[in-house]
Amino acid sequence: MFNSTESQTACLINVYAGHDDLGPVYEELPAIPVGDGCYELLSSPGLALNMAKADLIRIEKIDQPAVVLRRGGNFCIQIYADEIADEEIERLNQTVLSELGGSLDGVNGGNLALSVPSSNDIQTINRFFDGFKSRVGVEWYCANVYKNFEDPADETLLDWWVKH
């Protein structure tokens, strides 16, 4: 089907992230175009749901969520806060890399987007980010694990990370 094309040039794409009082909200993400409106994401989003770094997505309609064609094997962790101390962000950046093999993909004030490989089991990821929450007092969210991501009341998991 598609494979990562290192020869392709990265670009910024606008991905639908929801609606507010003024209309659609978009998030700008770095990606590699692979043709036919499809892109491989180079970072996890901080706003958009149901996708993560290395996923292959297609933007079919600009006012609807992107369609995930292939999971790239990363959890997308989103953290929202009014403010997080710079030293805590740097500590998180270093420990996500050293303990989980992940990356801090985006920082916008106290809002963070991270990618964590699914080779870490979900309990390890929960313990790690619950420890961050205990230390800093900020909630975290795994943005690409729910089947019906547009309904916050539905907690049915996709289980894409479970090896069958």
N, C-alpha and C. Protein backbone atom coordinates (compact mmCIF):
# COMPACT_ATOMS: atom_id res chain seq x y z
N MET A 1 0.85 -1.18 0.00
CA MET A 1 0.00 0.00 0.00
C MET A 1 0.89 1.24 0.00
N PHE A 2 1.13 1.85 1.17
CA PHE A 2 1.98 3.04 1.27
C PHE A 2 3.15 2.70 2.18
N ASN A 3 4.29 3.30 1.94
CA ASN A 3 5.39 3.20 2.89
C ASN A 3 5.97 4.60 3.09
N SER A 4 6.69 4.74 4.18
CA SER A 4 7.33 6.02 4.47
C SER A 4 8.26 6.36 3.32
N THR A 5 8.12 7.56 2.82
CA THR A 5 8.92 7.97 1.67
C THR A 5 9.88 9.06 2.10
N GLU A 6 11.09 8.66 2.42
CA GLU A 6 12.09 9.60 2.90
C GLU A 6 12.43 10.64 1.85
N SER A 7 12.24 10.32 0.58
CA SER A 7 12.58 11.27 -0.47
C SER A 7 11.53 12.37 -0.58
N GLN A 8 10.35 12.16 -0.04
CA GLN A 8 9.31 13.18 -0.06
C GLN A 8 9.68 14.30 0.90
N THR A 9 9.27 15.49 0.57
CA THR A 9 9.51 16.65 1.41
C THR A 9 8.38 16.81 2.41
N ALA A 10 8.75 17.07 3.64
CA ALA A 10 7.74 17.29 4.68
C ALA A 10 7.04 18.62 4.42
N CYS A 11 5.80 18.68 4.86
CA CYS A 11 5.01 19.90 4.71
C CYS A 11 4.14 20.04 5.96
N LEU A 12 3.44 21.14 6.05
CA LEU A 12 2.48 21.34 7.13
C LEU A 12 1.08 21.18 6.56
N ILE A 13 0.26 20.40 7.27
CA ILE A 13 -1.12 20.18 6.83
C ILE A 13 -2.07 20.67 7.93
N ASN A 14 -3.25 21.07 7.53
CA ASN A 14 -4.29 21.46 8.47
C ASN A 14 -5.22 20.29 8.68
N VAL A 15 -5.31 19.85 9.93
CA VAL A 15 -6.15 18.71 10.30
C VAL A 15 -7.31 19.23 11.15
N TYR A 16 -8.50 18.78 10.83
CA TYR A 16 -9.69 19.18 11.58
C TYR A 16 -9.58 18.71 13.03
N ALA A 17 -9.84 19.64 13.97
CA ALA A 17 -9.73 19.30 15.40
C ALA A 17 -11.02 19.55 16.16
N GLY A 18 -12.09 19.97 15.48
CA GLY A 18 -13.36 20.21 16.15
C GLY A 18 -13.99 21.52 15.74
N HIS A 19 -15.00 21.94 16.50
CA HIS A 19 -15.71 23.19 16.25
C HIS A 19 -15.70 24.05 17.50
N ASP A 20 -15.72 25.34 17.31
CA ASP A 20 -15.99 26.26 18.41
C ASP A 20 -17.09 27.21 17.94
N ASP A 21 -17.34 28.27 18.67
CA ASP A 21 -18.42 29.20 18.33
C ASP A 21 -18.24 29.86 16.97
N LEU A 22 -17.00 29.93 16.49
CA LEU A 22 -16.70 30.58 15.22
C LEU A 22 -16.66 29.62 14.03
N GLY A 23 -16.78 28.32 14.30
CA GLY A 23 -16.76 27.34 13.22
C GLY A 23 -15.69 26.29 13.42
N PRO A 24 -15.22 25.67 12.33
CA PRO A 24 -14.23 24.61 12.43
C PRO A 24 -12.90 25.11 13.01
N VAL A 25 -12.24 24.22 13.77
CA VAL A 25 -10.92 24.50 14.33
C VAL A 25 -9.95 23.51 13.70
N TYR A 26 -8.80 24.01 13.28
CA TYR A 26 -7.81 23.17 12.62
C TYR A 26 -6.49 23.21 13.40
N GLU A 27 -5.74 22.14 13.28
CA GLU A 27 -4.41 22.06 13.86
C GLU A 27 -3.41 21.84 12.73
N GLU A 28 -2.33 22.59 12.77
CA GLU A 28 -1.29 22.46 11.76
C GLU A 28 -0.28 21.42 12.23
N LEU A 29 -0.06 20.38 11.41
CA LEU A 29 0.84 19.29 11.77
C LEU A 29 1.85 19.04 10.65
N PRO A 30 3.09 18.69 11.02
CA PRO A 30 4.07 18.30 10.01
C PRO A 30 3.76 16.89 9.51
N ALA A 31 3.90 16.71 8.20
CA ALA A 31 3.58 15.41 7.60
C ALA A 31 4.35 15.24 6.30
N ILE A 32 4.38 14.00 5.85
CA ILE A 32 4.95 13.68 4.54
C ILE A 32 3.80 13.28 3.62
N PRO A 33 3.61 14.00 2.51
CA PRO A 33 2.56 13.59 1.58
C PRO A 33 2.95 12.30 0.87
N VAL A 34 2.00 11.37 0.78
CA VAL A 34 2.27 10.10 0.10
C VAL A 34 1.32 9.88 -1.07
N GLY A 35 0.55 10.91 -1.41
CA GLY A 35 -0.33 10.85 -2.57
C GLY A 35 -1.78 10.62 -2.22
N ASP A 36 -2.65 11.03 -3.11
CA ASP A 36 -4.10 10.80 -2.99
C ASP A 36 -4.69 11.36 -1.70
N GLY A 37 -4.21 12.54 -1.26
CA GLY A 37 -4.74 13.16 -0.04
C GLY A 37 -4.31 12.45 1.23
N CYS A 38 -3.27 11.60 1.13
CA CYS A 38 -2.79 10.83 2.28
C CYS A 38 -1.47 11.41 2.77
N TYR A 39 -1.28 11.30 4.10
CA TYR A 39 -0.09 11.85 4.73
C TYR A 39 0.37 10.93 5.85
N GLU A 40 1.68 10.87 6.06
CA GLU A 40 2.24 10.21 7.23
C GLU A 40 2.61 11.31 8.22
N LEU A 41 2.04 11.24 9.41
CA LEU A 41 2.27 12.27 10.42
C LEU A 41 3.67 12.18 11.01
N LEU A 42 4.31 13.33 11.18
CA LEU A 42 5.65 13.40 11.74
C LEU A 42 5.64 13.77 13.23
N SER A 43 4.46 14.08 13.75
CA SER A 43 4.32 14.35 15.19
C SER A 43 2.89 14.05 15.60
N SER A 44 2.70 13.86 16.89
CA SER A 44 1.35 13.67 17.42
C SER A 44 0.69 15.03 17.60
N PRO A 45 -0.63 15.08 17.41
CA PRO A 45 -1.34 16.35 17.56
C PRO A 45 -1.57 16.73 19.01
N GLY A 46 -1.75 18.02 19.23
CA GLY A 46 -2.07 18.52 20.56
C GLY A 46 -3.55 18.77 20.75
N LEU A 47 -4.30 18.84 19.65
CA LEU A 47 -5.74 19.08 19.71
C LEU A 47 -6.56 17.98 19.05
N ALA A 48 -6.19 17.63 17.84
CA ALA A 48 -6.94 16.63 17.07
C ALA A 48 -6.89 15.28 17.77
N LEU A 49 -7.95 14.52 17.61
CA LEU A 49 -8.07 13.21 18.26
C LEU A 49 -7.92 12.08 17.25
N ASN A 50 -7.68 10.88 17.76
CA ASN A 50 -7.68 9.63 17.02
C ASN A 50 -6.50 9.44 16.08
N MET A 51 -5.41 10.17 16.28
CA MET A 51 -4.23 9.97 15.44
C MET A 51 -2.98 10.26 16.24
N ALA A 52 -1.85 9.75 15.74
CA ALA A 52 -0.57 9.93 16.43
C ALA A 52 0.56 9.94 15.40
N LYS A 53 1.73 10.29 15.88
CA LYS A 53 2.94 10.28 15.07
C LYS A 53 3.08 8.95 14.34
N ALA A 54 3.45 9.00 13.06
CA ALA A 54 3.69 7.86 12.18
C ALA A 54 2.42 7.23 11.62
N ASP A 55 1.23 7.71 12.02
CA ASP A 55 -0.01 7.21 11.42
C ASP A 55 -0.11 7.68 9.97
N LEU A 56 -0.71 6.86 9.16
CA LEU A 56 -1.03 7.23 7.79
C LEU A 56 -2.49 7.67 7.79
N ILE A 57 -2.72 8.93 7.39
CA ILE A 57 -4.08 9.47 7.43
C ILE A 57 -4.49 9.98 6.05
N ARG A 58 -5.79 10.12 5.87
CA ARG A 58 -6.33 10.73 4.65
C ARG A 58 -7.29 11.83 5.09
N ILE A 59 -7.15 12.97 4.47
CA ILE A 59 -8.09 14.06 4.71
C ILE A 59 -9.11 14.01 3.58
N GLU A 60 -10.30 13.52 3.91
CA GLU A 60 -11.35 13.37 2.91
C GLU A 60 -12.23 14.60 2.82
N LYS A 61 -12.57 15.18 3.97
CA LYS A 61 -13.37 16.41 4.02
C LYS A 61 -12.73 17.33 5.04
N ILE A 62 -12.56 18.59 4.68
CA ILE A 62 -11.82 19.51 5.55
C ILE A 62 -12.54 19.81 6.86
N ASP A 63 -13.86 19.58 6.90
CA ASP A 63 -14.62 19.89 8.11
C ASP A 63 -15.00 18.63 8.89
N GLN A 64 -14.22 17.56 8.69
CA GLN A 64 -14.43 16.31 9.42
C GLN A 64 -13.07 15.74 9.83
N PRO A 65 -13.06 14.89 10.89
CA PRO A 65 -11.79 14.29 11.30
C PRO A 65 -11.12 13.51 10.17
N ALA A 66 -9.80 13.52 10.17
CA ALA A 66 -9.05 12.73 9.20
C ALA A 66 -9.33 11.25 9.43
N VAL A 67 -9.23 10.47 8.37
CA VAL A 67 -9.42 9.03 8.44
C VAL A 67 -8.05 8.38 8.64
N VAL A 68 -7.94 7.53 9.66
CA VAL A 68 -6.69 6.82 9.91
C VAL A 68 -6.69 5.55 9.06
N LEU A 69 -5.74 5.47 8.14
CA LEU A 69 -5.62 4.31 7.25
C LEU A 69 -4.73 3.23 7.84
N ARG A 70 -3.71 3.66 8.59
CA ARG A 70 -2.79 2.71 9.22
C ARG A 70 -2.23 3.36 10.49
N ARG A 71 -2.25 2.60 11.56
CA ARG A 71 -1.67 3.07 12.82
C ARG A 71 -0.15 2.93 12.74
N GLY A 72 0.54 3.95 13.21
CA GLY A 72 2.00 3.95 13.17
C GLY A 72 2.65 3.37 14.40
N GLY A 73 1.84 2.95 15.38
CA GLY A 73 2.39 2.29 16.56
C GLY A 73 2.69 3.20 17.73
N ASN A 74 2.14 4.41 17.74
CA ASN A 74 2.37 5.33 18.85
C ASN A 74 1.07 5.73 19.52
N PHE A 75 1.15 5.89 20.84
CA PHE A 75 0.07 6.52 21.58
C PHE A 75 0.27 8.02 21.51
N CYS A 76 -0.81 8.77 21.37
CA CYS A 76 -0.79 10.22 21.42
C CYS A 76 -1.24 10.65 22.80
N ILE A 77 -0.34 11.27 23.55
CA ILE A 77 -0.66 11.76 24.89
C ILE A 77 -0.79 13.28 24.81
N GLN A 78 -1.94 13.78 25.28
CA GLN A 78 -2.18 15.22 25.29
C GLN A 78 -2.33 15.69 26.73
N ILE A 79 -1.68 16.80 27.03
CA ILE A 79 -1.72 17.41 28.36
C ILE A 79 -2.15 18.86 28.19
N TYR A 80 -3.15 19.28 28.96
CA TYR A 80 -3.65 20.65 28.88
C TYR A 80 -3.55 21.31 30.25
N ALA A 81 -2.89 22.45 30.29
CA ALA A 81 -2.75 23.20 31.54
C ALA A 81 -2.58 24.67 31.18
N ASP A 82 -2.97 25.53 32.12
CA ASP A 82 -2.73 26.96 31.91
C ASP A 82 -1.24 27.23 31.85
N GLU A 83 -0.51 26.51 32.70
CA GLU A 83 0.93 26.72 32.76
C GLU A 83 1.61 25.49 33.36
N ILE A 84 2.76 25.14 32.83
CA ILE A 84 3.61 24.10 33.40
C ILE A 84 5.02 24.69 33.42
N ALA A 85 5.68 24.58 34.55
CA ALA A 85 7.02 25.14 34.68
C ALA A 85 7.96 24.55 33.63
N ASP A 86 8.83 25.40 33.08
CA ASP A 86 9.77 24.96 32.04
C ASP A 86 10.60 23.77 32.49
N GLU A 87 11.01 23.75 33.77
CA GLU A 87 11.83 22.64 34.25
C GLU A 87 11.03 21.34 34.28
N GLU A 88 9.72 21.40 34.53
CA GLU A 88 8.88 20.20 34.49
C GLU A 88 8.71 19.70 33.06
N ILE A 89 8.56 20.63 32.12
CA ILE A 89 8.46 20.24 30.71
C ILE A 89 9.75 19.57 30.26
N GLU A 90 10.89 20.13 30.64
CA GLU A 90 12.18 19.53 30.27
C GLU A 90 12.37 18.17 30.93
N ARG A 91 11.96 18.06 32.19
CA ARG A 91 12.05 16.77 32.89
C ARG A 91 11.18 15.73 32.19
N LEU A 92 9.96 16.12 31.84
CA LEU A 92 9.06 15.21 31.12
C LEU A 92 9.66 14.81 29.78
N ASN A 93 10.19 15.77 29.05
CA ASN A 93 10.82 15.50 27.76
C ASN A 93 11.92 14.46 27.90
N GLN A 94 12.79 14.64 28.89
CA GLN A 94 13.92 13.72 29.08
C GLN A 94 13.46 12.34 29.54
N THR A 95 12.50 12.28 30.47
CA THR A 95 12.08 10.98 31.00
C THR A 95 11.20 10.21 30.01
N VAL A 96 10.40 10.90 29.21
CA VAL A 96 9.62 10.20 28.18
C VAL A 96 10.57 9.53 27.19
N LEU A 97 11.63 10.21 26.84
CA LEU A 97 12.63 9.63 25.93
C LEU A 97 13.38 8.48 26.59
N SER A 98 13.92 8.70 27.78
CA SER A 98 14.77 7.68 28.40
C SER A 98 14.00 6.48 28.93
N GLU A 99 12.80 6.69 29.47
CA GLU A 99 12.06 5.58 30.08
C GLU A 99 11.07 4.90 29.13
N LEU A 100 10.54 5.66 28.16
CA LEU A 100 9.51 5.10 27.29
C LEU A 100 9.89 5.09 25.81
N GLY A 101 11.00 5.72 25.47
CA GLY A 101 11.41 5.80 24.06
C GLY A 101 10.52 6.71 23.25
N GLY A 102 9.83 7.63 23.93
CA GLY A 102 8.90 8.53 23.26
C GLY A 102 9.49 9.90 23.01
N SER A 103 8.62 10.82 22.60
CA SER A 103 9.07 12.17 22.27
C SER A 103 8.03 13.20 22.67
N LEU A 104 8.52 14.38 23.01
CA LEU A 104 7.67 15.55 23.22
C LEU A 104 7.58 16.22 21.86
N ASP A 105 6.41 16.17 21.24
CA ASP A 105 6.25 16.64 19.86
C ASP A 105 5.80 18.09 19.75
N GLY A 106 5.17 18.60 20.78
CA GLY A 106 4.68 19.97 20.69
C GLY A 106 4.44 20.58 22.05
N VAL A 107 4.75 21.88 22.14
CA VAL A 107 4.52 22.65 23.37
C VAL A 107 3.88 23.96 22.95
N ASN A 108 2.76 24.28 23.58
CA ASN A 108 2.10 25.57 23.37
C ASN A 108 1.64 26.05 24.74
N GLY A 109 2.50 26.82 25.40
CA GLY A 109 2.22 27.22 26.78
C GLY A 109 2.25 25.99 27.66
N GLY A 110 1.13 25.73 28.36
CA GLY A 110 1.03 24.55 29.20
C GLY A 110 0.42 23.35 28.50
N ASN A 111 0.21 23.45 27.21
CA ASN A 111 -0.38 22.35 26.43
C ASN A 111 0.74 21.59 25.74
N LEU A 112 0.73 20.25 25.93
CA LEU A 112 1.80 19.40 25.41
C LEU A 112 1.23 18.27 24.57
N ALA A 113 1.97 17.88 23.54
CA ALA A 113 1.64 16.71 22.74
C ALA A 113 2.85 15.79 22.75
N LEU A 114 2.62 14.52 23.07
CA LEU A 114 3.71 13.54 23.15
C LEU A 114 3.35 12.29 22.37
N SER A 115 4.39 11.60 21.91
CA SER A 115 4.24 10.30 21.26
C SER A 115 4.96 9.27 22.11
N VAL A 116 4.29 8.14 22.36
CA VAL A 116 4.88 7.05 23.13
C VAL A 116 4.66 5.75 22.36
N PRO A 117 5.73 5.02 22.04
CA PRO A 117 5.59 3.78 21.29
C PRO A 117 4.71 2.76 22.02
N SER A 118 3.92 2.05 21.24
CA SER A 118 3.02 1.04 21.81
C SER A 118 3.77 -0.20 22.29
N SER A 119 5.09 -0.25 22.07
CA SER A 119 5.88 -1.35 22.63
C SER A 119 5.89 -1.28 24.15
N ASN A 120 5.55 -0.11 24.69
CA ASN A 120 5.33 0.02 26.14
C ASN A 120 3.90 -0.46 26.40
N ASP A 121 3.73 -1.29 27.41
CA ASP A 121 2.36 -1.72 27.67
C ASP A 121 1.59 -0.56 28.30
N ILE A 122 0.28 -0.63 28.16
CA ILE A 122 -0.58 0.48 28.57
C ILE A 122 -0.50 0.75 30.07
N GLN A 123 -0.26 -0.29 30.89
CA GLN A 123 -0.12 -0.10 32.33
C GLN A 123 1.12 0.73 32.64
N THR A 124 2.21 0.49 31.93
CA THR A 124 3.44 1.27 32.12
C THR A 124 3.20 2.73 31.78
N ILE A 125 2.51 2.97 30.68
CA ILE A 125 2.21 4.34 30.26
C ILE A 125 1.30 5.01 31.29
N ASN A 126 0.28 4.30 31.77
CA ASN A 126 -0.61 4.86 32.80
C ASN A 126 0.18 5.23 34.06
N ARG A 127 1.04 4.32 34.52
CA ARG A 127 1.84 4.60 35.72
C ARG A 127 2.73 5.82 35.52
N PHE A 128 3.37 5.88 34.37
CA PHE A 128 4.29 6.99 34.08
C PHE A 128 3.55 8.33 34.12
N PHE A 129 2.43 8.44 33.38
CA PHE A 129 1.74 9.73 33.30
C PHE A 129 0.91 10.01 34.56
N ASP A 130 0.48 8.98 35.28
CA ASP A 130 -0.16 9.22 36.58
C ASP A 130 0.87 9.78 37.56
N GLY A 131 2.12 9.34 37.46
CA GLY A 131 3.20 9.90 38.28
C GLY A 131 3.43 11.37 37.95
N PHE A 132 3.39 11.71 36.67
CA PHE A 132 3.50 13.11 36.25
C PHE A 132 2.35 13.92 36.83
N LYS A 133 1.14 13.37 36.75
CA LYS A 133 -0.04 14.06 37.30
C LYS A 133 0.10 14.27 38.80
N SER A 134 0.57 13.28 39.52
CA SER A 134 0.75 13.41 40.97
C SER A 134 1.78 14.48 41.31
N ARG A 135 2.85 14.55 40.53
CA ARG A 135 3.93 15.49 40.79
C ARG A 135 3.54 16.92 40.41
N VAL A 136 2.87 17.09 39.27
CA VAL A 136 2.62 18.42 38.72
C VAL A 136 1.18 18.88 38.93
N GLY A 137 0.26 17.91 39.12
CA GLY A 137 -1.14 18.28 39.33
C GLY A 137 -1.90 18.57 38.06
N VAL A 138 -1.42 18.01 36.94
CA VAL A 138 -2.05 18.26 35.64
C VAL A 138 -2.52 16.93 35.05
N GLU A 139 -3.75 16.91 34.56
CA GLU A 139 -4.34 15.72 33.96
C GLU A 139 -3.73 15.45 32.59
N TRP A 140 -3.76 14.21 32.17
CA TRP A 140 -3.27 13.81 30.85
C TRP A 140 -4.36 12.99 30.17
N TYR A 141 -4.25 12.84 28.85
CA TYR A 141 -5.26 12.14 28.07
C TYR A 141 -4.60 11.40 26.93
N CYS A 142 -4.98 10.15 26.74
CA CYS A 142 -4.50 9.37 25.60
C CYS A 142 -5.52 9.54 24.48
N ALA A 143 -5.14 10.25 23.43
CA ALA A 143 -6.09 10.76 22.44
C ALA A 143 -6.40 9.84 21.28
N ASN A 144 -5.77 8.67 21.22
CA ASN A 144 -6.02 7.82 20.05
C ASN A 144 -6.34 6.37 20.44
N VAL A 145 -7.08 6.20 21.53
CA VAL A 145 -7.40 4.85 21.98
C VAL A 145 -8.89 4.53 21.99
N TYR A 146 -9.74 5.54 21.79
CA TYR A 146 -11.19 5.32 21.91
C TYR A 146 -11.85 5.16 20.55
N LYS A 147 -12.72 4.16 20.45
CA LYS A 147 -13.41 3.86 19.21
C LYS A 147 -14.28 5.03 18.75
N ASN A 148 -15.08 5.56 19.66
CA ASN A 148 -15.96 6.67 19.34
C ASN A 148 -15.39 7.94 19.97
N PHE A 149 -14.28 8.44 19.41
CA PHE A 149 -13.53 9.54 20.00
C PHE A 149 -14.30 10.85 20.05
N GLU A 150 -15.39 10.95 19.29
CA GLU A 150 -16.19 12.17 19.32
C GLU A 150 -17.25 12.16 20.42
N ASP A 151 -17.39 11.04 21.14
CA ASP A 151 -18.34 10.93 22.24
C ASP A 151 -17.57 10.63 23.53
N PRO A 152 -17.33 11.68 24.35
CA PRO A 152 -16.53 11.48 25.56
C PRO A 152 -17.13 10.48 26.55
N ALA A 153 -18.41 10.19 26.45
CA ALA A 153 -19.05 9.24 27.37
C ALA A 153 -18.77 7.79 26.97
N ASP A 154 -18.39 7.56 25.72
CA ASP A 154 -18.14 6.20 25.22
C ASP A 154 -16.66 5.88 25.41
N GLU A 155 -16.36 4.95 26.30
CA GLU A 155 -14.98 4.59 26.59
C GLU A 155 -14.59 3.25 25.96
N THR A 156 -15.26 2.86 24.88
CA THR A 156 -14.91 1.64 24.16
C THR A 156 -13.54 1.81 23.52
N LEU A 157 -12.62 0.91 23.84
CA LEU A 157 -11.26 1.00 23.33
C LEU A 157 -11.14 0.39 21.94
N LEU A 158 -10.25 0.97 21.14
CA LEU A 158 -9.95 0.42 19.82
C LEU A 158 -9.10 -0.84 19.91
N ASP A 159 -8.21 -0.89 20.88
CA ASP A 159 -7.27 -2.00 21.08
C ASP A 159 -6.32 -2.21 19.90
N TRP A 160 -6.01 -1.18 19.13
CA TRP A 160 -5.10 -1.33 18.00
C TRP A 160 -3.70 -1.75 18.45
N TRP A 161 -3.34 -1.48 19.70
CA TRP A 161 -2.00 -1.78 20.22
C TRP A 161 -1.86 -3.20 20.73
N VAL A 162 -2.97 -3.92 20.85
CA VAL A 162 -2.94 -5.30 21.36
C VAL A 162 -2.44 -6.22 20.26
N LYS A 163 -1.45 -7.01 20.58
CA LYS A 163 -0.88 -7.94 19.60
C LYS A 163 -1.70 -9.23 19.62
N HIS A 164 -2.25 -9.60 18.47
CA HIS A 164 -3.11 -10.79 18.39
C HIS A 164 -2.33 -12.00 17.97
